[in-house]
Amino acid sequence: MAVSRKYSYKYISHIKKVTQDFEKKDRELVHKAAKHGEKAIKAKIGRRRKSRPGEPPGKFSGNLFRGIKTKTGRARWHPYSYVGAVSPAYHAHLLEFGTRKMRARPVILPTLIEEAPAMKRILAEVRV
């Protein structure tokens, strides 16, 4: 006994809808985890103070603070998120890695490593 086209179309449409719901939830969780990382980075550079080499940089003009952003997108089959420095934080790489005359004041990578367990917990939330 064959299934009519009408019912098979509804079944396929329902599967697509459920798949889209899962993909949307995945994107939301990835974005939520990235936002958590962004907030943690901003918390470390949010105080106005001078920094020593090896410490997170202090807030001077606010460009680094305003330049820490999150971008979430979707690759072919999975969502991704980027947490890092964009304009107006044109000098973020100089602070993160240092120069010949200035020792590094890393904040982005150490903070993301420190916050990795919390971000993994966010990603492991139940999807239903």
PDB file of N, CA and C in Angstrom:
ATOM      1  N   MET A   1       0.848  -1.174   0.000  1.00  0.00           N
ATOM      2  CA  MET A   1       0.000   0.000   0.000  1.00  0.00           C
ATOM      3  C   MET A   1       0.894   1.237   0.000  1.00  0.00           C
ATOM      4  N   ALA A   2       0.683   2.085  -0.929  1.00  0.00           N
ATOM      5  CA  ALA A   2       1.511   3.284  -1.094  1.00  0.00           C
ATOM      6  C   ALA A   2       0.950   4.441  -0.274  1.00  0.00           C
ATOM      7  N   VAL A   3       1.847   5.280   0.168  1.00  0.00           N
ATOM      8  CA  VAL A   3       1.453   6.480   0.905  1.00  0.00           C
ATOM      9  C   VAL A   3       1.199   7.580  -0.115  1.00  0.00           C
ATOM     10  N   SER A   4       0.110   8.293   0.076  1.00  0.00           N
ATOM     11  CA  SER A   4      -0.198   9.349  -0.891  1.00  0.00           C
ATOM     12  C   SER A   4       0.825  10.479  -0.805  1.00  0.00           C
ATOM     13  N   ARG A   5       0.952  11.214  -1.898  1.00  0.00           N
ATOM     14  CA  ARG A   5       1.910  12.315  -1.941  1.00  0.00           C
ATOM     15  C   ARG A   5       1.573  13.391  -0.920  1.00  0.00           C
ATOM     16  N   LYS A   6       0.312  13.600  -0.695  1.00  0.00           N
ATOM     17  CA  LYS A   6      -0.128  14.632   0.245  1.00  0.00           C
ATOM     18  C   LYS A   6       0.447  14.367   1.634  1.00  0.00           C
ATOM     19  N   TYR A   7       0.351  13.143   2.096  1.00  0.00           N
ATOM     20  CA  TYR A   7       0.834  12.813   3.433  1.00  0.00           C
ATOM     21  C   TYR A   7       2.356  12.748   3.490  1.00  0.00           C
ATOM     22  N   SER A   8       2.980  12.247   2.433  1.00  0.00           N
ATOM     23  CA  SER A   8       4.441  12.198   2.440  1.00  0.00           C
ATOM     24  C   SER A   8       5.017  13.610   2.417  1.00  0.00           C
ATOM     25  N   TYR A   9       4.380  14.552   1.717  1.00  0.00           N
ATOM     26  CA  TYR A   9       4.839  15.936   1.703  1.00  0.00           C
ATOM     27  C   TYR A   9       4.731  16.545   3.098  1.00  0.00           C
ATOM     28  N   LYS A  10       3.628  16.287   3.790  1.00  0.00           N
ATOM     29  CA  LYS A  10       3.457  16.808   5.152  1.00  0.00           C
ATOM     30  C   LYS A  10       4.509  16.220   6.084  1.00  0.00           C
ATOM     31  N   TYR A  11       4.810  14.946   5.911  1.00  0.00           N
ATOM     32  CA  TYR A  11       5.808  14.289   6.748  1.00  0.00           C
ATOM     33  C   TYR A  11       7.186  14.909   6.529  1.00  0.00           C
ATOM     34  N   ILE A  12       7.563  15.108   5.270  1.00  0.00           N
ATOM     35  CA  ILE A  12       8.856  15.714   4.950  1.00  0.00           C
ATOM     36  C   ILE A  12       8.910  17.146   5.465  1.00  0.00           C
ATOM     37  N   SER A  13       7.822  17.890   5.321  1.00  0.00           N
ATOM     38  CA  SER A  13       7.780  19.266   5.818  1.00  0.00           C
ATOM     39  C   SER A  13       7.960  19.299   7.325  1.00  0.00           C
ATOM     40  N   HIS A  14       7.347  18.346   8.009  1.00  0.00           N
ATOM     41  CA  HIS A  14       7.467  18.287   9.462  1.00  0.00           C
ATOM     42  C   HIS A  14       8.910  17.977   9.875  1.00  0.00           C
ATOM     43  N   ILE A  15       9.553  17.063   9.169  1.00  0.00           N
ATOM     44  CA  ILE A  15      10.954  16.735   9.463  1.00  0.00           C
ATOM     45  C   ILE A  15      11.838  17.964   9.258  1.00  0.00           C
ATOM     46  N   LYS A  16      11.609  18.702   8.170  1.00  0.00           N
ATOM     47  CA  LYS A  16      12.389  19.916   7.924  1.00  0.00           C
ATOM     48  C   LYS A  16      12.176  20.936   9.035  1.00  0.00           C
ATOM     49  N   LYS A  17      10.942  21.072   9.497  1.00  0.00           N
ATOM     50  CA  LYS A  17      10.639  22.034  10.562  1.00  0.00           C
ATOM     51  C   LYS A  17      11.350  21.647  11.855  1.00  0.00           C
ATOM     52  N   VAL A  18      11.317  20.378  12.208  1.00  0.00           N
ATOM     53  CA  VAL A  18      11.990  19.911  13.424  1.00  0.00           C
ATOM     54  C   VAL A  18      13.499  20.126  13.302  1.00  0.00           C
ATOM     55  N   THR A  19      14.057  19.828  12.137  1.00  0.00           N
ATOM     56  CA  THR A  19      15.487  20.041  11.909  1.00  0.00           C
ATOM     57  C   THR A  19      15.843  21.512  12.036  1.00  0.00           C
ATOM     58  N   GLN A  20      15.020  22.388  11.482  1.00  0.00           N
ATOM     59  CA  GLN A  20      15.263  23.829  11.590  1.00  0.00           C
ATOM     60  C   GLN A  20      15.200  24.292  13.037  1.00  0.00           C
ATOM     61  N   ASP A  21      14.267  23.729  13.806  1.00  0.00           N
ATOM     62  CA  ASP A  21      14.170  24.088  15.224  1.00  0.00           C
ATOM     63  C   ASP A  21      15.437  23.693  15.979  1.00  0.00           C
ATOM     64  N   PHE A  22      15.959  22.498  15.695  1.00  0.00           N
ATOM     65  CA  PHE A  22      17.206  22.063  16.341  1.00  0.00           C
ATOM     66  C   PHE A  22      18.375  22.965  15.948  1.00  0.00           C
ATOM     67  N   GLU A  23      18.458  23.303  14.668  1.00  0.00           N
ATOM     68  CA  GLU A  23      19.540  24.175  14.208  1.00  0.00           C
ATOM     69  C   GLU A  23      19.451  25.553  14.849  1.00  0.00           C
ATOM     70  N   LYS A  24      18.236  26.067  14.989  1.00  0.00           N
ATOM     71  CA  LYS A  24      18.048  27.375  15.623  1.00  0.00           C
ATOM     72  C   LYS A  24      18.484  27.321  17.079  1.00  0.00           C
ATOM     73  N   LYS A  25      18.105  26.265  17.773  1.00  0.00           N
ATOM     74  CA  LYS A  25      18.489  26.125  19.179  1.00  0.00           C
ATOM     75  C   LYS A  25      20.008  26.006  19.309  1.00  0.00           C
ATOM     76  N   ASP A  26      20.636  25.268  18.397  1.00  0.00           N
ATOM     77  CA  ASP A  26      22.099  25.154  18.411  1.00  0.00           C
ATOM     78  C   ASP A  26      22.752  26.519  18.228  1.00  0.00           C
ATOM     79  N   ARG A  27      22.251  27.302  17.268  1.00  0.00           N
ATOM     80  CA  ARG A  27      22.808  28.648  17.051  1.00  0.00           C
ATOM     81  C   ARG A  27      22.638  29.517  18.292  1.00  0.00           C
ATOM     82  N   GLU A  28      21.476  29.411  18.934  1.00  0.00           N
ATOM     83  CA  GLU A  28      21.231  30.200  20.146  1.00  0.00           C
ATOM     84  C   GLU A  28      22.201  29.818  21.263  1.00  0.00           C
ATOM     85  N   LEU A  29      22.444  28.519  21.431  1.00  0.00           N
ATOM     86  CA  LEU A  29      23.368  28.080  22.481  1.00  0.00           C
ATOM     87  C   LEU A  29      24.801  28.507  22.184  1.00  0.00           C
ATOM     88  N   VAL A  30      25.212  28.413  20.925  1.00  0.00           N
ATOM     89  CA  VAL A  30      26.564  28.844  20.555  1.00  0.00           C
ATOM     90  C   VAL A  30      26.710  30.342  20.794  1.00  0.00           C
ATOM     91  N   HIS A  31      25.685  31.112  20.435  1.00  0.00           N
ATOM     92  CA  HIS A  31      25.728  32.562  20.651  1.00  0.00           C
ATOM     93  C   HIS A  31      25.758  32.894  22.144  1.00  0.00           C
ATOM     94  N   LYS A  32      24.977  32.164  22.926  1.00  0.00           N
ATOM     95  CA  LYS A  32      24.943  32.391  24.377  1.00  0.00           C
ATOM     96  C   LYS A  32      26.309  32.106  25.006  1.00  0.00           C
ATOM     97  N   ALA A  33      26.955  31.038  24.581  1.00  0.00           N
ATOM     98  CA  ALA A  33      28.288  30.708  25.104  1.00  0.00           C
ATOM     99  C   ALA A  33      29.303  31.775  24.706  1.00  0.00           C
ATOM    100  N   ALA A  34      29.219  32.253  23.474  1.00  0.00           N
ATOM    101  CA  ALA A  34      30.147  33.296  23.021  1.00  0.00           C
ATOM    102  C   ALA A  34      29.917  34.598  23.780  1.00  0.00           C
ATOM    103  N   LYS A  35      28.668  34.949  24.026  1.00  0.00           N
ATOM    104  CA  LYS A  35      28.360  36.161  24.799  1.00  0.00           C
ATOM    105  C   LYS A  35      28.918  36.050  26.211  1.00  0.00           C
ATOM    106  N   HIS A  36      28.874  34.849  26.774  1.00  0.00           N
ATOM    107  CA  HIS A  36      29.456  34.637  28.104  1.00  0.00           C
ATOM    108  C   HIS A  36      30.950  34.948  28.074  1.00  0.00           C
ATOM    109  N   GLY A  37      31.637  34.471  27.045  1.00  0.00           N
ATOM    110  CA  GLY A  37      33.063  34.761  26.897  1.00  0.00           C
ATOM    111  C   GLY A  37      33.329  36.242  26.706  1.00  0.00           C
ATOM    112  N   GLU A  38      32.491  36.904  25.916  1.00  0.00           N
ATOM    113  CA  GLU A  38      32.644  38.346  25.689  1.00  0.00           C
ATOM    114  C   GLU A  38      32.495  39.124  26.996  1.00  0.00           C
ATOM    115  N   LYS A  39      31.486  38.777  27.779  1.00  0.00           N
ATOM    116  CA  LYS A  39      31.272  39.465  29.064  1.00  0.00           C
ATOM    117  C   LYS A  39      32.444  39.246  30.013  1.00  0.00           C
ATOM    118  N   ALA A  40      32.997  38.040  30.016  1.00  0.00           N
ATOM    119  CA  ALA A  40      34.134  37.750  30.897  1.00  0.00           C
ATOM    120  C   ALA A  40      35.360  38.567  30.493  1.00  0.00           C
ATOM    121  N   ILE A  41      35.600  38.695  29.198  1.00  0.00           N
ATOM    122  CA  ILE A  41      36.737  39.494  28.721  1.00  0.00           C
ATOM    123  C   ILE A  41      36.539  40.954  29.096  1.00  0.00           C
ATOM    124  N   LYS A  42      35.335  41.464  28.869  1.00  0.00           N
ATOM    125  CA  LYS A  42      35.062  42.867  29.189  1.00  0.00           C
ATOM    126  C   LYS A  42      35.160  43.130  30.688  1.00  0.00           C
ATOM    127  N   ALA A  43      34.819  42.135  31.495  1.00  0.00           N
ATOM    128  CA  ALA A  43      34.930  42.311  32.949  1.00  0.00           C
ATOM    129  C   ALA A  43      36.387  42.469  33.370  1.00  0.00           C
ATOM    130  N   LYS A  44      37.282  41.792  32.668  1.00  0.00           N
ATOM    131  CA  LYS A  44      38.703  41.886  33.030  1.00  0.00           C
ATOM    132  C   LYS A  44      39.338  43.200  32.603  1.00  0.00           C
ATOM    133  N   ILE A  45      38.830  43.825  31.545  1.00  0.00           N
ATOM    134  CA  ILE A  45      39.437  45.079  31.088  1.00  0.00           C
ATOM    135  C   ILE A  45      38.572  46.283  31.425  1.00  0.00           C
ATOM    136  N   GLY A  46      37.564  46.099  32.226  1.00  0.00           N
ATOM    137  CA  GLY A  46      36.607  47.161  32.497  1.00  0.00           C
ATOM    138  C   GLY A  46      37.059  48.220  33.480  1.00  0.00           C
ATOM    139  N   ARG A  47      38.137  47.997  34.217  1.00  0.00           N
ATOM    140  CA  ARG A  47      38.571  48.967  35.230  1.00  0.00           C
ATOM    141  C   ARG A  47      39.593  49.927  34.651  1.00  0.00           C
ATOM    142  N   ARG A  48      39.517  51.162  35.080  1.00  0.00           N
ATOM    143  CA  ARG A  48      40.482  52.173  34.636  1.00  0.00           C
ATOM    144  C   ARG A  48      41.688  52.117  35.562  1.00  0.00           C
ATOM    145  N   ARG A  49      42.789  51.549  35.050  1.00  0.00           N
ATOM    146  CA  ARG A  49      44.002  51.401  35.847  1.00  0.00           C
ATOM    147  C   ARG A  49      45.171  51.143  34.911  1.00  0.00           C
ATOM    148  N   LYS A  50      46.366  51.331  35.418  1.00  0.00           N
ATOM    149  CA  LYS A  50      47.556  50.976  34.646  1.00  0.00           C
ATOM    150  C   LYS A  50      47.805  49.485  34.828  1.00  0.00           C
ATOM    151  N   SER A  51      48.279  48.861  33.778  1.00  0.00           N
ATOM    152  CA  SER A  51      48.536  47.422  33.867  1.00  0.00           C
ATOM    153  C   SER A  51      50.028  47.151  33.782  1.00  0.00           C
ATOM    154  N   ARG A  52      50.410  46.083  34.415  1.00  0.00           N
ATOM    155  CA  ARG A  52      51.796  45.616  34.354  1.00  0.00           C
ATOM    156  C   ARG A  52      51.887  44.521  33.298  1.00  0.00           C
ATOM    157  N   PRO A  53      53.094  44.258  32.806  1.00  0.00           N
ATOM    158  CA  PRO A  53      53.244  43.167  31.837  1.00  0.00           C
ATOM    159  C   PRO A  53      52.749  41.843  32.418  1.00  0.00           C
ATOM    160  N   GLY A  54      51.973  41.127  31.639  1.00  0.00           N
ATOM    161  CA  GLY A  54      51.416  39.854  32.080  1.00  0.00           C
ATOM    162  C   GLY A  54      50.012  39.985  32.634  1.00  0.00           C
ATOM    163  N   GLU A  55      49.584  41.190  33.017  1.00  0.00           N
ATOM    164  CA  GLU A  55      48.227  41.426  33.509  1.00  0.00           C
ATOM    165  C   GLU A  55      47.335  41.826  32.334  1.00  0.00           C
ATOM    166  N   PRO A  56      46.025  41.684  32.502  1.00  0.00           N
ATOM    167  CA  PRO A  56      45.129  42.199  31.462  1.00  0.00           C
ATOM    168  C   PRO A  56      45.265  43.715  31.358  1.00  0.00           C
ATOM    169  N   PRO A  57      45.107  44.258  30.166  1.00  0.00           N
ATOM    170  CA  PRO A  57      45.257  45.703  30.008  1.00  0.00           C
ATOM    171  C   PRO A  57      44.167  46.469  30.738  1.00  0.00           C
ATOM    172  N   GLY A  58      44.513  47.658  31.191  1.00  0.00           N
ATOM    173  CA  GLY A  58      43.540  48.520  31.840  1.00  0.00           C
ATOM    174  C   GLY A  58      42.749  49.307  30.809  1.00  0.00           C
ATOM    175  N   LYS A  59      41.673  49.919  31.270  1.00  0.00           N
ATOM    176  CA  LYS A  59      40.829  50.711  30.387  1.00  0.00           C
ATOM    177  C   LYS A  59      41.397  52.122  30.325  1.00  0.00           C
ATOM    178  N   PHE A  60      41.807  52.560  29.148  1.00  0.00           N
ATOM    179  CA  PHE A  60      42.373  53.897  28.998  1.00  0.00           C
ATOM    180  C   PHE A  60      41.416  54.769  28.185  1.00  0.00           C
ATOM    181  N   SER A  61      41.228  54.448  26.927  1.00  0.00           N
ATOM    182  CA  SER A  61      40.312  55.223  26.087  1.00  0.00           C
ATOM    183  C   SER A  61      38.961  54.528  25.943  1.00  0.00           C
ATOM    184  N   GLY A  62      38.906  53.247  26.220  1.00  0.00           N
ATOM    185  CA  GLY A  62      37.667  52.484  26.060  1.00  0.00           C
ATOM    186  C   GLY A  62      37.548  51.813  24.704  1.00  0.00           C
ATOM    187  N   ASN A  63      38.514  52.043  23.810  1.00  0.00           N
ATOM    188  CA  ASN A  63      38.440  51.431  22.478  1.00  0.00           C
ATOM    189  C   ASN A  63      38.540  49.911  22.539  1.00  0.00           C
ATOM    190  N   LEU A  64      39.417  49.401  23.370  1.00  0.00           N
ATOM    191  CA  LEU A  64      39.546  47.947  23.500  1.00  0.00           C
ATOM    192  C   LEU A  64      38.260  47.359  24.069  1.00  0.00           C
ATOM    193  N   PHE A  65      37.703  48.012  25.069  1.00  0.00           N
ATOM    194  CA  PHE A  65      36.461  47.550  25.693  1.00  0.00           C
ATOM    195  C   PHE A  65      35.325  47.512  24.667  1.00  0.00           C
ATOM    196  N   ARG A  66      35.189  48.573  23.886  1.00  0.00           N
ATOM    197  CA  ARG A  66      34.124  48.640  22.875  1.00  0.00           C
ATOM    198  C   ARG A  66      34.394  47.714  21.692  1.00  0.00           C
ATOM    199  N   GLY A  67      35.652  47.365  21.473  1.00  0.00           N
ATOM    200  CA  GLY A  67      36.004  46.541  20.327  1.00  0.00           C
ATOM    201  C   GLY A  67      35.863  45.048  20.535  1.00  0.00           C
ATOM    202  N   ILE A  68      35.600  44.602  21.751  1.00  0.00           N
ATOM    203  CA  ILE A  68      35.402  43.169  22.002  1.00  0.00           C
ATOM    204  C   ILE A  68      33.978  42.822  21.578  1.00  0.00           C
ATOM    205  N   LYS A  69      33.849  41.994  20.556  1.00  0.00           N
ATOM    206  CA  LYS A  69      32.541  41.672  19.984  1.00  0.00           C
ATOM    207  C   LYS A  69      32.387  40.175  19.762  1.00  0.00           C
ATOM    208  N   THR A  70      31.142  39.782  19.568  1.00  0.00           N
ATOM    209  CA  THR A  70      30.790  38.405  19.250  1.00  0.00           C
ATOM    210  C   THR A  70      30.089  38.387  17.904  1.00  0.00           C
ATOM    211  N   LYS A  71      30.473  37.469  17.049  1.00  0.00           N
ATOM    212  CA  LYS A  71      29.793  37.289  15.773  1.00  0.00           C
ATOM    213  C   LYS A  71      29.421  35.820  15.657  1.00  0.00           C
ATOM    214  N   THR A  72      28.162  35.553  15.396  1.00  0.00           N
ATOM    215  CA  THR A  72      27.686  34.180  15.267  1.00  0.00           C
ATOM    216  C   THR A  72      27.164  33.972  13.853  1.00  0.00           C
ATOM    217  N   GLY A  73      27.472  32.842  13.288  1.00  0.00           N
ATOM    218  CA  GLY A  73      27.012  32.519  11.945  1.00  0.00           C
ATOM    219  C   GLY A  73      26.794  31.026  11.812  1.00  0.00           C
ATOM    220  N   ARG A  74      26.581  30.603  10.574  1.00  0.00           N
ATOM    221  CA  ARG A  74      26.369  29.187  10.343  1.00  0.00           C
ATOM    222  C   ARG A  74      27.238  28.738   9.188  1.00  0.00           C
ATOM    223  N   ALA A  75      28.056  27.750   9.453  1.00  0.00           N
ATOM    224  CA  ALA A  75      28.845  27.138   8.389  1.00  0.00           C
ATOM    225  C   ALA A  75      27.952  26.116   7.694  1.00  0.00           C
ATOM    226  N   ARG A  76      28.519  25.280   6.916  1.00  0.00           N
ATOM    227  CA  ARG A  76      27.713  24.354   6.125  1.00  0.00           C
ATOM    228  C   ARG A  76      26.714  23.562   6.970  1.00  0.00           C
ATOM    229  N   TRP A  77      27.169  22.901   8.017  1.00  0.00           N
ATOM    230  CA  TRP A  77      26.264  22.051   8.794  1.00  0.00           C
ATOM    231  C   TRP A  77      26.228  22.396  10.268  1.00  0.00           C
ATOM    232  N   HIS A  78      26.964  23.393  10.701  1.00  0.00           N
ATOM    233  CA  HIS A  78      27.001  23.674  12.128  1.00  0.00           C
ATOM    234  C   HIS A  78      27.189  25.171  12.370  1.00  0.00           C
ATOM    235  N   PRO A  79      26.674  25.655  13.484  1.00  0.00           N
ATOM    236  CA  PRO A  79      26.874  27.067  13.813  1.00  0.00           C
ATOM    237  C   PRO A  79      28.278  27.302  14.353  1.00  0.00           C
ATOM    238  N   TYR A  80      28.742  28.532  14.235  1.00  0.00           N
ATOM    239  CA  TYR A  80      30.039  28.904  14.795  1.00  0.00           C
ATOM    240  C   TYR A  80      29.904  30.276  15.426  1.00  0.00           C
ATOM    241  N   SER A  81      30.847  30.613  16.251  1.00  0.00           N
ATOM    242  CA  SER A  81      30.852  31.929  16.868  1.00  0.00           C
ATOM    243  C   SER A  81      32.280  32.416  16.995  1.00  0.00           C
ATOM    244  N   TYR A  82      32.449  33.708  16.843  1.00  0.00           N
ATOM    245  CA  TYR A  82      33.755  34.353  16.916  1.00  0.00           C
ATOM    246  C   TYR A  82      33.706  35.355  18.061  1.00  0.00           C
ATOM    247  N   VAL A  83      34.642  35.271  18.963  1.00  0.00           N
ATOM    248  CA  VAL A  83      34.776  36.247  20.041  1.00  0.00           C
ATOM    249  C   VAL A  83      36.158  36.852  19.893  1.00  0.00           C
ATOM    250  N   GLY A  84      36.214  38.145  19.729  1.00  0.00           N
ATOM    251  CA  GLY A  84      37.513  38.772  19.561  1.00  0.00           C
ATOM    252  C   GLY A  84      37.404  40.266  19.415  1.00  0.00           C
ATOM    253  N   ALA A  85      38.497  40.857  19.015  1.00  0.00           N
ATOM    254  CA  ALA A  85      38.572  42.310  18.904  1.00  0.00           C
ATOM    255  C   ALA A  85      38.380  42.745  17.457  1.00  0.00           C
ATOM    256  N   VAL A  86      37.526  43.737  17.280  1.00  0.00           N
ATOM    257  CA  VAL A  86      37.292  44.356  15.977  1.00  0.00           C
ATOM    258  C   VAL A  86      37.458  45.862  16.149  1.00  0.00           C
ATOM    259  N   SER A  87      37.214  46.617  15.108  1.00  0.00           N
ATOM    260  CA  SER A  87      37.324  48.067  15.193  1.00  0.00           C
ATOM    261  C   SER A  87      36.393  48.576  16.296  1.00  0.00           C
ATOM    262  N   PRO A  88      36.771  49.469  17.133  1.00  0.00           N
ATOM    263  CA  PRO A  88      37.900  50.383  17.160  1.00  0.00           C
ATOM    264  C   PRO A  88      39.109  49.858  17.924  1.00  0.00           C
ATOM    265  N   ALA A  89      39.169  48.578  18.202  1.00  0.00           N
ATOM    266  CA  ALA A  89      40.293  48.014  18.966  1.00  0.00           C
ATOM    267  C   ALA A  89      41.396  47.561  18.012  1.00  0.00           C
ATOM    268  N   TYR A  90      41.884  48.491  17.203  1.00  0.00           N
ATOM    269  CA  TYR A  90      42.908  48.177  16.214  1.00  0.00           C
ATOM    270  C   TYR A  90      44.222  47.743  16.862  1.00  0.00           C
ATOM    271  N   HIS A  91      44.401  48.024  18.130  1.00  0.00           N
ATOM    272  CA  HIS A  91      45.654  47.742  18.835  1.00  0.00           C
ATOM    273  C   HIS A  91      45.570  46.493  19.718  1.00  0.00           C
ATOM    274  N   ALA A  92      44.491  45.749  19.647  1.00  0.00           N
ATOM    275  CA  ALA A  92      44.291  44.599  20.536  1.00  0.00           C
ATOM    276  C   ALA A  92      45.388  43.549  20.369  1.00  0.00           C
ATOM    277  N   HIS A  93      45.801  43.292  19.146  1.00  0.00           N
ATOM    278  CA  HIS A  93      46.847  42.281  18.925  1.00  0.00           C
ATOM    279  C   HIS A  93      48.177  42.725  19.524  1.00  0.00           C
ATOM    280  N   LEU A  94      48.430  44.023  19.558  1.00  0.00           N
ATOM    281  CA  LEU A  94      49.673  44.516  20.155  1.00  0.00           C
ATOM    282  C   LEU A  94      49.677  44.279  21.665  1.00  0.00           C
ATOM    283  N   LEU A  95      48.529  44.478  22.296  1.00  0.00           N
ATOM    284  CA  LEU A  95      48.429  44.226  23.733  1.00  0.00           C
ATOM    285  C   LEU A  95      48.463  42.730  24.034  1.00  0.00           C
ATOM    286  N   GLU A  96      47.781  41.956  23.222  1.00  0.00           N
ATOM    287  CA  GLU A  96      47.674  40.508  23.461  1.00  0.00           C
ATOM    288  C   GLU A  96      49.025  39.804  23.316  1.00  0.00           C
ATOM    289  N   PHE A  97      49.792  40.178  22.309  1.00  0.00           N
ATOM    290  CA  PHE A  97      51.041  39.472  22.028  1.00  0.00           C
ATOM    291  C   PHE A  97      52.297  40.270  22.342  1.00  0.00           C
ATOM    292  N   GLY A  98      52.160  41.562  22.570  1.00  0.00           N
ATOM    293  CA  GLY A  98      53.313  42.397  22.884  1.00  0.00           C
ATOM    294  C   GLY A  98      54.028  42.875  21.632  1.00  0.00           C
ATOM    295  N   THR A  99      55.006  43.753  21.846  1.00  0.00           N
ATOM    296  CA  THR A  99      55.834  44.261  20.754  1.00  0.00           C
ATOM    297  C   THR A  99      57.295  44.099  21.161  1.00  0.00           C
ATOM    298  N   ARG A 100      58.190  44.647  20.356  1.00  0.00           N
ATOM    299  CA  ARG A 100      59.606  44.570  20.723  1.00  0.00           C
ATOM    300  C   ARG A 100      59.888  45.368  21.993  1.00  0.00           C
ATOM    301  N   LYS A 101      59.153  46.453  22.190  1.00  0.00           N
ATOM    302  CA  LYS A 101      59.423  47.336  23.320  1.00  0.00           C
ATOM    303  C   LYS A 101      58.429  47.189  24.467  1.00  0.00           C
ATOM    304  N   MET A 102      57.382  46.414  24.271  1.00  0.00           N
ATOM    305  CA  MET A 102      56.354  46.260  25.305  1.00  0.00           C
ATOM    306  C   MET A 102      56.026  44.781  25.484  1.00  0.00           C
ATOM    307  N   ARG A 103      56.069  44.322  26.708  1.00  0.00           N
ATOM    308  CA  ARG A 103      55.719  42.925  26.971  1.00  0.00           C
ATOM    309  C   ARG A 103      54.215  42.738  26.826  1.00  0.00           C
ATOM    310  N   ALA A 104      53.819  41.513  26.590  1.00  0.00           N
ATOM    311  CA  ALA A 104      52.410  41.196  26.345  1.00  0.00           C
ATOM    312  C   ALA A 104      51.554  41.421  27.583  1.00  0.00           C
ATOM    313  N   ARG A 105      50.316  41.840  27.322  1.00  0.00           N
ATOM    314  CA  ARG A 105      49.293  41.978  28.351  1.00  0.00           C
ATOM    315  C   ARG A 105      48.067  41.185  27.877  1.00  0.00           C
ATOM    316  N   PRO A 106      48.190  39.860  27.885  1.00  0.00           N
ATOM    317  CA  PRO A 106      47.134  39.027  27.292  1.00  0.00           C
ATOM    318  C   PRO A 106      45.844  39.067  28.101  1.00  0.00           C
ATOM    319  N   VAL A 107      44.730  39.103  27.385  1.00  0.00           N
ATOM    320  CA  VAL A 107      43.437  39.064  28.057  1.00  0.00           C
ATOM    321  C   VAL A 107      42.459  38.130  27.339  1.00  0.00           C
ATOM    322  N   ILE A 108      42.470  38.088  26.026  1.00  0.00           N
ATOM    323  CA  ILE A 108      41.446  37.334  25.301  1.00  0.00           C
ATOM    324  C   ILE A 108      41.640  35.831  25.458  1.00  0.00           C
ATOM    325  N   LEU A 109      42.784  35.314  25.074  1.00  0.00           N
ATOM    326  CA  LEU A 109      43.019  33.870  25.140  1.00  0.00           C
ATOM    327  C   LEU A 109      42.990  33.324  26.568  1.00  0.00           C
ATOM    328  N   PRO A 110      43.676  33.956  27.547  1.00  0.00           N
ATOM    329  CA  PRO A 110      43.608  33.419  28.908  1.00  0.00           C
ATOM    330  C   PRO A 110      42.188  33.412  29.487  1.00  0.00           C
ATOM    331  N   THR A 111      41.409  34.441  29.156  1.00  0.00           N
ATOM    332  CA  THR A 111      40.041  34.500  29.668  1.00  0.00           C
ATOM    333  C   THR A 111      39.182  33.413  29.045  1.00  0.00           C
ATOM    334  N   LEU A 112      39.320  33.193  27.745  1.00  0.00           N
ATOM    335  CA  LEU A 112      38.528  32.144  27.097  1.00  0.00           C
ATOM    336  C   LEU A 112      38.919  30.758  27.604  1.00  0.00           C
ATOM    337  N   ILE A 113      40.193  30.544  27.881  1.00  0.00           N
ATOM    338  CA  ILE A 113      40.623  29.264  28.453  1.00  0.00           C
ATOM    339  C   ILE A 113      40.045  29.099  29.857  1.00  0.00           C
ATOM    340  N   GLU A 114      40.055  30.175  30.623  1.00  0.00           N
ATOM    341  CA  GLU A 114      39.524  30.146  31.987  1.00  0.00           C
ATOM    342  C   GLU A 114      38.012  29.901  31.997  1.00  0.00           C
ATOM    343  N   GLU A 115      37.309  30.458  31.023  1.00  0.00           N
ATOM    344  CA  GLU A 115      35.850  30.346  30.966  1.00  0.00           C
ATOM    345  C   GLU A 115      35.369  29.141  30.159  1.00  0.00           C
ATOM    346  N   ALA A 116      36.269  28.342  29.628  1.00  0.00           N
ATOM    347  CA  ALA A 116      35.892  27.200  28.786  1.00  0.00           C
ATOM    348  C   ALA A 116      34.938  26.225  29.476  1.00  0.00           C
ATOM    349  N   PRO A 117      35.149  25.860  30.757  1.00  0.00           N
ATOM    350  CA  PRO A 117      34.186  24.944  31.383  1.00  0.00           C
ATOM    351  C   PRO A 117      32.769  25.518  31.454  1.00  0.00           C
ATOM    352  N   ALA A 118      32.651  26.800  31.764  1.00  0.00           N
ATOM    353  CA  ALA A 118      31.324  27.421  31.821  1.00  0.00           C
ATOM    354  C   ALA A 118      30.691  27.473  30.431  1.00  0.00           C
ATOM    355  N   MET A 119      31.496  27.751  29.428  1.00  0.00           N
ATOM    356  CA  MET A 119      30.974  27.797  28.064  1.00  0.00           C
ATOM    357  C   MET A 119      30.556  26.404  27.593  1.00  0.00           C
ATOM    358  N   LYS A 120      31.292  25.373  27.998  1.00  0.00           N
ATOM    359  CA  LYS A 120      30.910  24.000  27.648  1.00  0.00           C
ATOM    360  C   LYS A 120      29.597  23.615  28.315  1.00  0.00           C
ATOM    361  N   ARG A 121      29.393  24.070  29.565  1.00  0.00           N
ATOM    362  CA  ARG A 121      28.120  23.794  30.246  1.00  0.00           C
ATOM    363  C   ARG A 121      26.958  24.446  29.504  1.00  0.00           C
ATOM    364  N   ILE A 122      27.162  25.661  29.021  1.00  0.00           N
ATOM    365  CA  ILE A 122      26.108  26.343  28.267  1.00  0.00           C
ATOM    366  C   ILE A 122      25.790  25.563  26.993  1.00  0.00           C
ATOM    367  N   LEU A 123      26.815  25.090  26.307  1.00  0.00           N
ATOM    368  CA  LEU A 123      26.603  24.338  25.069  1.00  0.00           C
ATOM    369  C   LEU A 123      25.953  22.980  25.316  1.00  0.00           C
ATOM    370  N   ALA A 124      26.093  22.457  26.520  1.00  0.00           N
ATOM    371  CA  ALA A 124      25.543  21.136  26.832  1.00  0.00           C
ATOM    372  C   ALA A 124      24.103  21.199  27.329  1.00  0.00           C
ATOM    373  N   GLU A 125      23.496  22.381  27.344  1.00  0.00           N
ATOM    374  CA  GLU A 125      22.109  22.492  27.794  1.00  0.00           C
ATOM    375  C   GLU A 125      21.211  21.613  26.935  1.00  0.00           C
ATOM    376  N   VAL A 126      20.135  21.167  27.533  1.00  0.00           N
ATOM    377  CA  VAL A 126      19.198  20.297  26.820  1.00  0.00           C
ATOM    378  C   VAL A 126      18.517  21.097  25.719  1.00  0.00           C
ATOM    379  N   ARG A 127      18.400  20.495  24.554  1.00  0.00           N
ATOM    380  CA  ARG A 127      17.848  21.198  23.404  1.00  0.00           C
ATOM    381  C   ARG A 127      16.325  21.207  23.359  1.00  0.00           C
ATOM    382  N   VAL A 128      15.665  20.378  24.085  1.00  0.00           N
ATOM    383  CA  VAL A 128      14.216  20.238  23.931  1.00  0.00           C
ATOM    384  C   VAL A 128      13.473  21.302  24.684  1.00  0.00           C
TER     385      VAL A 128
END
